PDB file of N, CA and C in Angstrom:
ATOM      1  N   UNK A   1     -19.978 -11.581 -12.186  1.00  0.00           N
ATOM      2  CA  UNK A   1     -19.888 -12.962 -11.483  1.00  0.00           C
ATOM      3  C   UNK A   1     -18.710 -13.798 -12.201  1.00  0.00           C
ATOM      4  N   UNK A   2     -18.905 -13.871 -13.491  1.00  0.00           N
ATOM      5  CA  UNK A   2     -17.991 -14.675 -14.177  1.00  0.00           C
ATOM      6  C   UNK A   2     -16.545 -14.044 -14.086  1.00  0.00           C
ATOM      7  N   UNK A   3     -16.508 -12.775 -14.106  1.00  0.00           N
ATOM      8  CA  UNK A   3     -15.171 -12.092 -13.943  1.00  0.00           C
ATOM      9  C   UNK A   3     -14.535 -12.400 -12.668  1.00  0.00           C
ATOM     10  N   UNK A   4     -15.294 -12.449 -11.693  1.00  0.00           N
ATOM     11  CA  UNK A   4     -14.882 -12.693 -10.328  1.00  0.00           C
ATOM     12  C   UNK A   4     -14.279 -14.059 -10.224  1.00  0.00           C
ATOM     13  N   UNK A   5     -14.999 -15.004 -10.869  1.00  0.00           N
ATOM     14  CA  UNK A   5     -14.603 -16.392 -10.878  1.00  0.00           C
ATOM     15  C   UNK A   5     -13.297 -16.653 -11.583  1.00  0.00           C
ATOM     16  N   UNK A   6     -13.225 -15.980 -12.790  1.00  0.00           N
ATOM     17  CA  UNK A   6     -12.056 -16.043 -13.636  1.00  0.00           C
ATOM     18  C   UNK A   6     -10.846 -15.331 -12.900  1.00  0.00           C
ATOM     19  N   UNK A   7     -10.990 -14.292 -12.241  1.00  0.00           N
ATOM     20  CA  UNK A   7      -9.890 -13.510 -11.621  1.00  0.00           C
ATOM     21  C   UNK A   7      -9.490 -14.376 -10.420  1.00  0.00           C
ATOM     22  N   UNK A   8     -10.432 -15.093  -9.766  1.00  0.00           N
ATOM     23  CA  UNK A   8      -9.967 -15.960  -8.704  1.00  0.00           C
ATOM     24  C   UNK A   8      -9.138 -17.164  -9.139  1.00  0.00           C
ATOM     25  N   UNK A   9      -9.601 -17.668 -10.300  1.00  0.00           N
ATOM     26  CA  UNK A   9      -8.938 -18.810 -10.868  1.00  0.00           C
ATOM     27  C   UNK A   9      -7.615 -18.302 -11.388  1.00  0.00           C
ATOM     28  N   UNK A  10      -7.493 -17.244 -11.915  1.00  0.00           N
ATOM     29  CA  UNK A  10      -6.168 -16.747 -12.483  1.00  0.00           C
ATOM     30  C   UNK A  10      -5.185 -16.464 -11.280  1.00  0.00           C
ATOM     31  N   UNK A  11      -5.730 -15.872 -10.274  1.00  0.00           N
ATOM     32  CA  UNK A  11      -4.843 -15.840  -9.032  1.00  0.00           C
ATOM     33  C   UNK A  11      -4.294 -17.041  -8.497  1.00  0.00           C
ATOM     34  N   UNK A  12      -5.238 -18.094  -8.373  1.00  0.00           N
ATOM     35  CA  UNK A  12      -4.881 -19.424  -7.893  1.00  0.00           C
ATOM     36  C   UNK A  12      -3.879 -19.987  -8.778  1.00  0.00           C
ATOM     37  N   UNK A  13      -3.955 -19.906 -10.158  1.00  0.00           N
ATOM     38  CA  UNK A  13      -3.066 -20.497 -10.990  1.00  0.00           C
ATOM     39  C   UNK A  13      -1.616 -19.691 -10.902  1.00  0.00           C
ATOM     40  N   UNK A  14      -1.758 -18.530 -10.894  1.00  0.00           N
ATOM     41  CA  UNK A  14      -0.544 -17.642 -10.743  1.00  0.00           C
ATOM     42  C   UNK A  14       0.310 -18.173  -9.519  1.00  0.00           C
ATOM     43  N   UNK A  15      -0.462 -18.132  -8.367  1.00  0.00           N
ATOM     44  CA  UNK A  15       0.104 -18.557  -7.172  1.00  0.00           C
ATOM     45  C   UNK A  15       0.808 -20.080  -7.397  1.00  0.00           C
ATOM     46  N   UNK A  16       0.170 -20.940  -8.079  1.00  0.00           N
ATOM     47  CA  UNK A  16       0.721 -22.265  -8.281  1.00  0.00           C
ATOM     48  C   UNK A  16       1.956 -22.135  -9.090  1.00  0.00           C
ATOM     49  N   UNK A  17       1.987 -21.374 -10.050  1.00  0.00           N
ATOM     50  CA  UNK A  17       3.051 -21.289 -10.902  1.00  0.00           C
ATOM     51  C   UNK A  17       4.250 -20.494 -10.320  1.00  0.00           C
ATOM     52  N   UNK A  18       3.931 -19.443  -9.596  1.00  0.00           N
ATOM     53  CA  UNK A  18       5.036 -18.849  -8.806  1.00  0.00           C
ATOM     54  C   UNK A  18       5.672 -19.661  -7.747  1.00  0.00           C
ATOM     55  N   UNK A  19       4.972 -20.613  -7.303  1.00  0.00           N
ATOM     56  CA  UNK A  19       5.532 -21.541  -6.190  1.00  0.00           C
ATOM     57  C   UNK A  19       6.200 -22.723  -6.799  1.00  0.00           C
ATOM     58  N   UNK A  20       6.241 -22.806  -8.096  1.00  0.00           N
ATOM     59  CA  UNK A  20       6.974 -23.818  -8.884  1.00  0.00           C
ATOM     60  C   UNK A  20       8.443 -23.944  -8.570  1.00  0.00           C
ATOM     61  N   UNK A  21       9.098 -25.019  -8.286  1.00  0.00           N
ATOM     62  CA  UNK A  21      10.577 -25.010  -7.983  1.00  0.00           C
ATOM     63  C   UNK A  21      11.422 -24.607  -9.158  1.00  0.00           C
ATOM     64  N   UNK A  22      10.930 -24.692 -10.369  1.00  0.00           N
ATOM     65  CA  UNK A  22      11.559 -24.441 -11.598  1.00  0.00           C
ATOM     66  C   UNK A  22      11.582 -22.950 -11.782  1.00  0.00           C
ATOM     67  N   UNK A  23      12.826 -22.262 -11.951  1.00  0.00           N
ATOM     68  CA  UNK A  23      12.858 -20.746 -12.104  1.00  0.00           C
ATOM     69  C   UNK A  23      12.367 -20.340 -13.403  1.00  0.00           C
ATOM     70  N   UNK A  24      12.470 -21.233 -14.515  1.00  0.00           N
ATOM     71  CA  UNK A  24      11.869 -20.788 -15.728  1.00  0.00           C
ATOM     72  C   UNK A  24      10.385 -20.684 -15.770  1.00  0.00           C
ATOM     73  N   UNK A  25       9.805 -21.664 -15.045  1.00  0.00           N
ATOM     74  CA  UNK A  25       8.231 -21.440 -14.847  1.00  0.00           C
ATOM     75  C   UNK A  25       7.931 -20.222 -14.117  1.00  0.00           C
ATOM     76  N   UNK A  26       8.565 -19.966 -12.970  1.00  0.00           N
ATOM     77  CA  UNK A  26       8.297 -18.780 -12.275  1.00  0.00           C
ATOM     78  C   UNK A  26       8.612 -17.450 -13.223  1.00  0.00           C
ATOM     79  N   UNK A  27       9.543 -17.525 -13.990  1.00  0.00           N
ATOM     80  CA  UNK A  27       9.845 -16.358 -14.787  1.00  0.00           C
ATOM     81  C   UNK A  27       8.801 -16.226 -15.814  1.00  0.00           C
ATOM     82  N   UNK A  28       8.427 -17.252 -16.446  1.00  0.00           N
ATOM     83  CA  UNK A  28       7.241 -17.167 -17.456  1.00  0.00           C
ATOM     84  C   UNK A  28       5.929 -16.672 -16.815  1.00  0.00           C
ATOM     85  N   UNK A  29       5.669 -17.172 -15.656  1.00  0.00           N
ATOM     86  CA  UNK A  29       4.476 -16.712 -14.892  1.00  0.00           C
ATOM     87  C   UNK A  29       4.604 -15.222 -14.597  1.00  0.00           C
ATOM     88  N   UNK A  30       5.621 -14.769 -14.164  1.00  0.00           N
ATOM     89  CA  UNK A  30       5.787 -13.349 -13.871  1.00  0.00           C
ATOM     90  C   UNK A  30       5.741 -12.526 -15.040  1.00  0.00           C
ATOM     91  N   UNK A  31       6.226 -12.958 -16.275  1.00  0.00           N
ATOM     92  CA  UNK A  31       6.051 -12.356 -17.524  1.00  0.00           C
ATOM     93  C   UNK A  31       4.621 -12.278 -17.882  1.00  0.00           C
ATOM     94  N   UNK A  32       3.909 -13.390 -17.835  1.00  0.00           N
ATOM     95  CA  UNK A  32       2.498 -13.410 -18.190  1.00  0.00           C
ATOM     96  C   UNK A  32       1.603 -12.400 -17.261  1.00  0.00           C
ATOM     97  N   UNK A  33       2.071 -12.264 -15.998  1.00  0.00           N
ATOM     98  CA  UNK A  33       1.299 -11.492 -15.082  1.00  0.00           C
ATOM     99  C   UNK A  33       1.617 -10.021 -15.461  1.00  0.00           C
ATOM    100  N   UNK A  34       2.851  -9.674 -15.869  1.00  0.00           N
ATOM    101  CA  UNK A  34       3.211  -8.252 -16.250  1.00  0.00           C
ATOM    102  C   UNK A  34       2.375  -7.906 -17.460  1.00  0.00           C
ATOM    103  N   UNK A  35       2.188  -8.811 -18.436  1.00  0.00           N
ATOM    104  CA  UNK A  35       1.538  -8.531 -19.665  1.00  0.00           C
ATOM    105  C   UNK A  35       0.150  -8.397 -19.381  1.00  0.00           C
ATOM    106  N   UNK A  36      -0.413  -9.254 -18.392  1.00  0.00           N
ATOM    107  CA  UNK A  36      -1.876  -9.176 -18.081  1.00  0.00           C
ATOM    108  C   UNK A  36      -2.258  -7.736 -17.535  1.00  0.00           C
ATOM    109  N   UNK A  37      -1.397  -7.171 -16.642  1.00  0.00           N
ATOM    110  CA  UNK A  37      -1.695  -6.033 -15.994  1.00  0.00           C
ATOM    111  C   UNK A  37      -1.148  -4.865 -16.827  1.00  0.00           C
ATOM    112  N   UNK A  38      -0.674  -5.002 -17.929  1.00  0.00           N
ATOM    113  CA  UNK A  38      -0.252  -4.064 -18.764  1.00  0.00           C
ATOM    114  C   UNK A  38       1.089  -3.212 -18.638  1.00  0.00           C
ATOM    115  N   UNK A  39       1.892  -4.080 -17.744  1.00  0.00           N
ATOM    116  CA  UNK A  39       3.236  -3.380 -17.563  1.00  0.00           C
ATOM    117  C   UNK A  39       4.326  -3.674 -18.679  1.00  0.00           C
ATOM    118  N   UNK A  40       3.954  -4.691 -19.360  1.00  0.00           N
ATOM    119  CA  UNK A  40       4.900  -5.277 -20.417  1.00  0.00           C
ATOM    120  C   UNK A  40       4.201  -5.270 -21.632  1.00  0.00           C
ATOM    121  N   UNK A  41       4.773  -4.482 -22.715  1.00  0.00           N
ATOM    122  CA  UNK A  41       4.177  -4.564 -24.064  1.00  0.00           C
ATOM    123  C   UNK A  41       5.151  -5.067 -25.024  1.00  0.00           C
ATOM    124  N   UNK A  42       4.839  -5.059 -26.301  1.00  0.00           N
ATOM    125  CA  UNK A  42       5.768  -5.709 -27.337  1.00  0.00           C
ATOM    126  C   UNK A  42       7.100  -5.060 -27.432  1.00  0.00           C
ATOM    127  N   UNK A  43       7.191  -3.705 -27.066  1.00  0.00           N
ATOM    128  CA  UNK A  43       8.393  -3.092 -27.057  1.00  0.00           C
ATOM    129  C   UNK A  43       9.299  -3.143 -25.693  1.00  0.00           C
ATOM    130  N   UNK A  44       8.698  -3.690 -24.749  1.00  0.00           N
ATOM    131  CA  UNK A  44       9.348  -3.797 -23.525  1.00  0.00           C
ATOM    132  C   UNK A  44       8.533  -3.480 -22.352  1.00  0.00           C
ATOM    133  N   UNK A  45       9.167  -2.943 -21.239  1.00  0.00           N
ATOM    134  CA  UNK A  45       8.371  -2.683 -20.194  1.00  0.00           C
ATOM    135  C   UNK A  45       7.962  -1.345 -20.092  1.00  0.00           C
ATOM    136  N   UNK A  46       6.699  -0.968 -19.758  1.00  0.00           N
ATOM    137  CA  UNK A  46       6.043   0.334 -19.760  1.00  0.00           C
ATOM    138  C   UNK A  46       5.508   0.550 -18.311  1.00  0.00           C
ATOM    139  N   UNK A  47       5.899   1.535 -17.642  1.00  0.00           N
ATOM    140  CA  UNK A  47       5.343   1.882 -16.327  1.00  0.00           C
ATOM    141  C   UNK A  47       4.989   3.368 -16.370  1.00  0.00           C
ATOM    142  N   UNK A  48       3.718   3.566 -16.048  1.00  0.00           N
ATOM    143  CA  UNK A  48       3.217   5.021 -15.989  1.00  0.00           C
ATOM    144  C   UNK A  48       3.066   5.299 -14.373  1.00  0.00           C
ATOM    145  N   UNK A  49       3.599   6.389 -13.963  1.00  0.00           N
ATOM    146  CA  UNK A  49       3.447   6.742 -12.569  1.00  0.00           C
ATOM    147  C   UNK A  49       2.769   8.142 -12.531  1.00  0.00           C
ATOM    148  N   UNK A  50       1.580   8.259 -11.841  1.00  0.00           N
ATOM    149  CA  UNK A  50       0.938   9.579 -11.725  1.00  0.00           C
ATOM    150  C   UNK A  50       0.807   9.791 -10.290  1.00  0.00           C
ATOM    151  N   UNK A  51       1.407  10.840  -9.693  1.00  0.00           N
ATOM    152  CA  UNK A  51       1.344  11.176  -8.387  1.00  0.00           C
ATOM    153  C   UNK A  51       0.772  12.569  -8.161  1.00  0.00           C
ATOM    154  N   UNK A  52      -0.131  12.546  -7.133  1.00  0.00           N
ATOM    155  CA  UNK A  52      -0.651  13.968  -6.828  1.00  0.00           C
ATOM    156  C   UNK A  52      -0.469  14.046  -5.274  1.00  0.00           C
ATOM    157  N   UNK A  53      -0.233  15.328  -4.927  1.00  0.00           N
ATOM    158  CA  UNK A  53      -0.088  15.660  -3.445  1.00  0.00           C
ATOM    159  C   UNK A  53      -0.852  16.949  -3.162  1.00  0.00           C
ATOM    160  N   UNK A  54      -1.635  16.843  -2.142  1.00  0.00           N
ATOM    161  CA  UNK A  54      -2.337  18.097  -1.675  1.00  0.00           C
ATOM    162  C   UNK A  54      -1.804  18.390  -0.216  1.00  0.00           C
ATOM    163  N   UNK A  55      -1.292  19.588  -0.175  1.00  0.00           N
ATOM    164  CA  UNK A  55      -0.724  20.001   0.965  1.00  0.00           C
ATOM    165  C   UNK A  55      -1.658  20.902   1.822  1.00  0.00           C
ATOM    166  N   UNK A  56      -1.913  20.811   3.042  1.00  0.00           N
ATOM    167  CA  UNK A  56      -2.808  21.559   3.718  1.00  0.00           C
ATOM    168  C   UNK A  56      -1.854  22.500   4.640  1.00  0.00           C
ATOM    169  N   UNK A  57      -2.058  23.744   4.447  1.00  0.00           N
ATOM    170  CA  UNK A  57      -1.201  24.670   5.141  1.00  0.00           C
ATOM    171  C   UNK A  57      -1.317  24.709   6.747  1.00  0.00           C
ATOM    172  N   UNK A  58      -2.574  24.336   7.184  1.00  0.00           N
ATOM    173  CA  UNK A  58      -2.824  24.316   8.622  1.00  0.00           C
ATOM    174  C   UNK A  58      -2.190  23.254   9.255  1.00  0.00           C
ATOM    175  N   UNK A  59      -2.032  22.068   8.684  1.00  0.00           N
ATOM    176  CA  UNK A  59      -1.538  20.871   9.422  1.00  0.00           C
ATOM    177  C   UNK A  59      -0.020  20.859   9.538  1.00  0.00           C
ATOM    178  N   UNK A  60       0.548  19.861  10.421  1.00  0.00           N
ATOM    179  CA  UNK A  60       1.913  19.759  10.375  1.00  0.00           C
ATOM    180  C   UNK A  60       2.545  19.251   9.088  1.00  0.00           C
ATOM    181  N   UNK A  61       3.831  19.704   8.878  1.00  0.00           N
ATOM    182  CA  UNK A  61       4.366  19.312   7.622  1.00  0.00           C
ATOM    183  C   UNK A  61       5.518  18.245   7.824  1.00  0.00           C
ATOM    184  N   UNK A  62       5.880  17.802   9.156  1.00  0.00           N
ATOM    185  CA  UNK A  62       6.816  16.820   9.385  1.00  0.00           C
ATOM    186  C   UNK A  62       6.550  15.971  10.478  1.00  0.00           C
ATOM    187  N   UNK A  63       7.394  14.934  10.460  1.00  0.00           N
ATOM    188  CA  UNK A  63       7.129  13.966  11.611  1.00  0.00           C
ATOM    189  C   UNK A  63       7.263  14.651  12.915  1.00  0.00           C
ATOM    190  N   UNK A  64       8.307  15.474  13.058  1.00  0.00           N
ATOM    191  CA  UNK A  64       8.588  16.160  14.244  1.00  0.00           C
ATOM    192  C   UNK A  64       7.503  16.976  14.772  1.00  0.00           C
ATOM    193  N   UNK A  65       6.847  17.756  13.830  1.00  0.00           N
ATOM    194  CA  UNK A  65       5.718  18.618  14.156  1.00  0.00           C
ATOM    195  C   UNK A  65       4.532  17.771  14.573  1.00  0.00           C
ATOM    196  N   UNK A  66       4.262  16.517  13.994  1.00  0.00           N
ATOM    197  CA  UNK A  66       3.186  15.682  14.420  1.00  0.00           C
ATOM    198  C   UNK A  66       3.468  15.392  15.710  1.00  0.00           C
ATOM    199  N   UNK A  67       4.602  14.896  15.965  1.00  0.00           N
ATOM    200  CA  UNK A  67       5.025  14.281  17.431  1.00  0.00           C
ATOM    201  C   UNK A  67       4.828  15.400  18.429  1.00  0.00           C
ATOM    202  N   UNK A  68       5.166  16.567  18.191  1.00  0.00           N
ATOM    203  CA  UNK A  68       5.104  17.705  19.106  1.00  0.00           C
ATOM    204  C   UNK A  68       3.575  17.998  19.350  1.00  0.00           C
ATOM    205  N   UNK A  69       2.797  17.878  18.394  1.00  0.00           N
ATOM    206  CA  UNK A  69       1.367  18.026  18.509  1.00  0.00           C
ATOM    207  C   UNK A  69       0.693  16.960  19.423  1.00  0.00           C
ATOM    208  N   UNK A  70       1.273  15.747  19.241  1.00  0.00           N
ATOM    209  CA  UNK A  70       0.770  14.676  20.003  1.00  0.00           C
ATOM    210  C   UNK A  70       1.252  14.782  21.532  1.00  0.00           C
ATOM    211  N   UNK A  71       2.512  15.215  21.672  1.00  0.00           N
ATOM    212  CA  UNK A  71       2.994  15.475  23.025  1.00  0.00           C
ATOM    213  C   UNK A  71       2.167  16.618  23.773  1.00  0.00           C
ATOM    214  N   UNK A  72       1.893  17.616  23.120  1.00  0.00           N
ATOM    215  CA  UNK A  72       1.148  18.692  23.654  1.00  0.00           C
ATOM    216  C   UNK A  72      -0.293  18.218  24.111  1.00  0.00           C
ATOM    217  N   UNK A  73      -0.776  17.367  23.203  1.00  0.00           N
ATOM    218  CA  UNK A  73      -2.211  16.954  23.588  1.00  0.00           C
ATOM    219  C   UNK A  73      -2.163  15.935  24.666  1.00  0.00           C
ATOM    220  N   UNK A  74      -1.147  15.120  24.729  1.00  0.00           N
ATOM    221  CA  UNK A  74      -1.039  14.166  25.885  1.00  0.00           C
ATOM    222  C   UNK A  74      -0.865  14.856  27.108  1.00  0.00           C
ATOM    223  N   UNK A  75      -0.106  15.889  27.162  1.00  0.00           N
ATOM    224  CA  UNK A  75       0.215  16.739  28.416  1.00  0.00           C
ATOM    225  C   UNK A  75      -1.072  17.332  28.872  1.00  0.00           C
ATOM    226  N   UNK A  76      -1.892  17.921  27.913  1.00  0.00           N
ATOM    227  CA  UNK A  76      -3.090  18.578  28.209  1.00  0.00           C
ATOM    228  C   UNK A  76      -4.114  17.598  28.781  1.00  0.00           C
ATOM    229  N   UNK A  77      -4.206  16.449  28.144  1.00  0.00           N
ATOM    230  CA  UNK A  77      -5.032  15.415  28.687  1.00  0.00           C
ATOM    231  C   UNK A  77      -4.692  14.847  30.064  1.00  0.00           C
ATOM    232  N   UNK A  78      -3.325  14.819  30.308  1.00  0.00           N
ATOM    233  CA  UNK A  78      -2.946  14.355  31.537  1.00  0.00           C
ATOM    234  C   UNK A  78      -3.247  15.407  32.750  1.00  0.00           C
ATOM    235  N   UNK A  79      -3.036  16.611  32.412  1.00  0.00           N
ATOM    236  CA  UNK A  79      -3.416  17.739  33.219  1.00  0.00           C
ATOM    237  C   UNK A  79      -4.933  17.731  33.613  1.00  0.00           C
ATOM    238  N   UNK A  80      -5.711  17.429  32.625  1.00  0.00           N
ATOM    239  CA  UNK A  80      -7.257  17.409  32.760  1.00  0.00           C
ATOM    240  C   UNK A  80      -7.686  16.295  33.602  1.00  0.00           C
ATOM    241  N   UNK A  81      -7.062  15.111  33.298  1.00  0.00           N
ATOM    242  CA  UNK A  81      -7.359  13.856  34.236  1.00  0.00           C
ATOM    243  C   UNK A  81      -6.925  14.119  35.598  1.00  0.00           C
ATOM    244  N   UNK A  82      -5.823  14.720  35.924  1.00  0.00           N
ATOM    245  CA  UNK A  82      -5.350  14.985  37.290  1.00  0.00           C
ATOM    246  C   UNK A  82      -6.298  15.963  38.083  1.00  0.00           C
ATOM    247  N   UNK A  83      -6.829  16.954  37.179  1.00  0.00           N
ATOM    248  CA  UNK A  83      -7.733  17.943  37.692  1.00  0.00           C
ATOM    249  C   UNK A  83      -9.143  17.262  38.026  1.00  0.00           C
ATOM    250  N   UNK A  84      -9.546  16.304  37.275  1.00  0.00           N
ATOM    251  CA  UNK A  84     -10.810  15.619  37.421  1.00  0.00           C
ATOM    252  C   UNK A  84     -10.815  14.624  38.498  1.00  0.00           C
ATOM    253  N   UNK A  85      -9.589  14.054  38.788  1.00  0.00           N
ATOM    254  CA  UNK A  85      -9.513  12.981  39.663  1.00  0.00           C
ATOM    255  C   UNK A  85     -10.100  13.315  41.166  1.00  0.00           C
ATOM    256  N   UNK A  86     -10.821  12.252  41.672  1.00  0.00           N
ATOM    257  CA  UNK A  86     -11.465  12.572  42.870  1.00  0.00           C
ATOM    258  C   UNK A  86     -10.340  12.661  44.112  1.00  0.00           C
ATOM    259  N   UNK A  87     -10.557  13.639  44.965  1.00  0.00           N
ATOM    260  CA  UNK A  87      -9.521  13.852  46.085  1.00  0.00           C
ATOM    261  C   UNK A  87     -10.012  13.520  47.360  1.00  0.00           C
TER     262      UNK A  87
END
């Protein structure tokens, strides 16, 4: 509970500082934010990026393949609807 209140207050104050017309205030607010989230340390800026990807061989691997599957499915649904339609 206390953490939630503090985080809300922190975000509100950060928004106030970032909307300040003075660029120095905005710069300092951004610097404090980077330190808070751990992007900036005493030695400079530190960014860690971890990326994982899982490829499923059964599925489409490109946008074009996905669109082709959608097109085929729409055509099949359209054919089904025209066969079901009352005559």
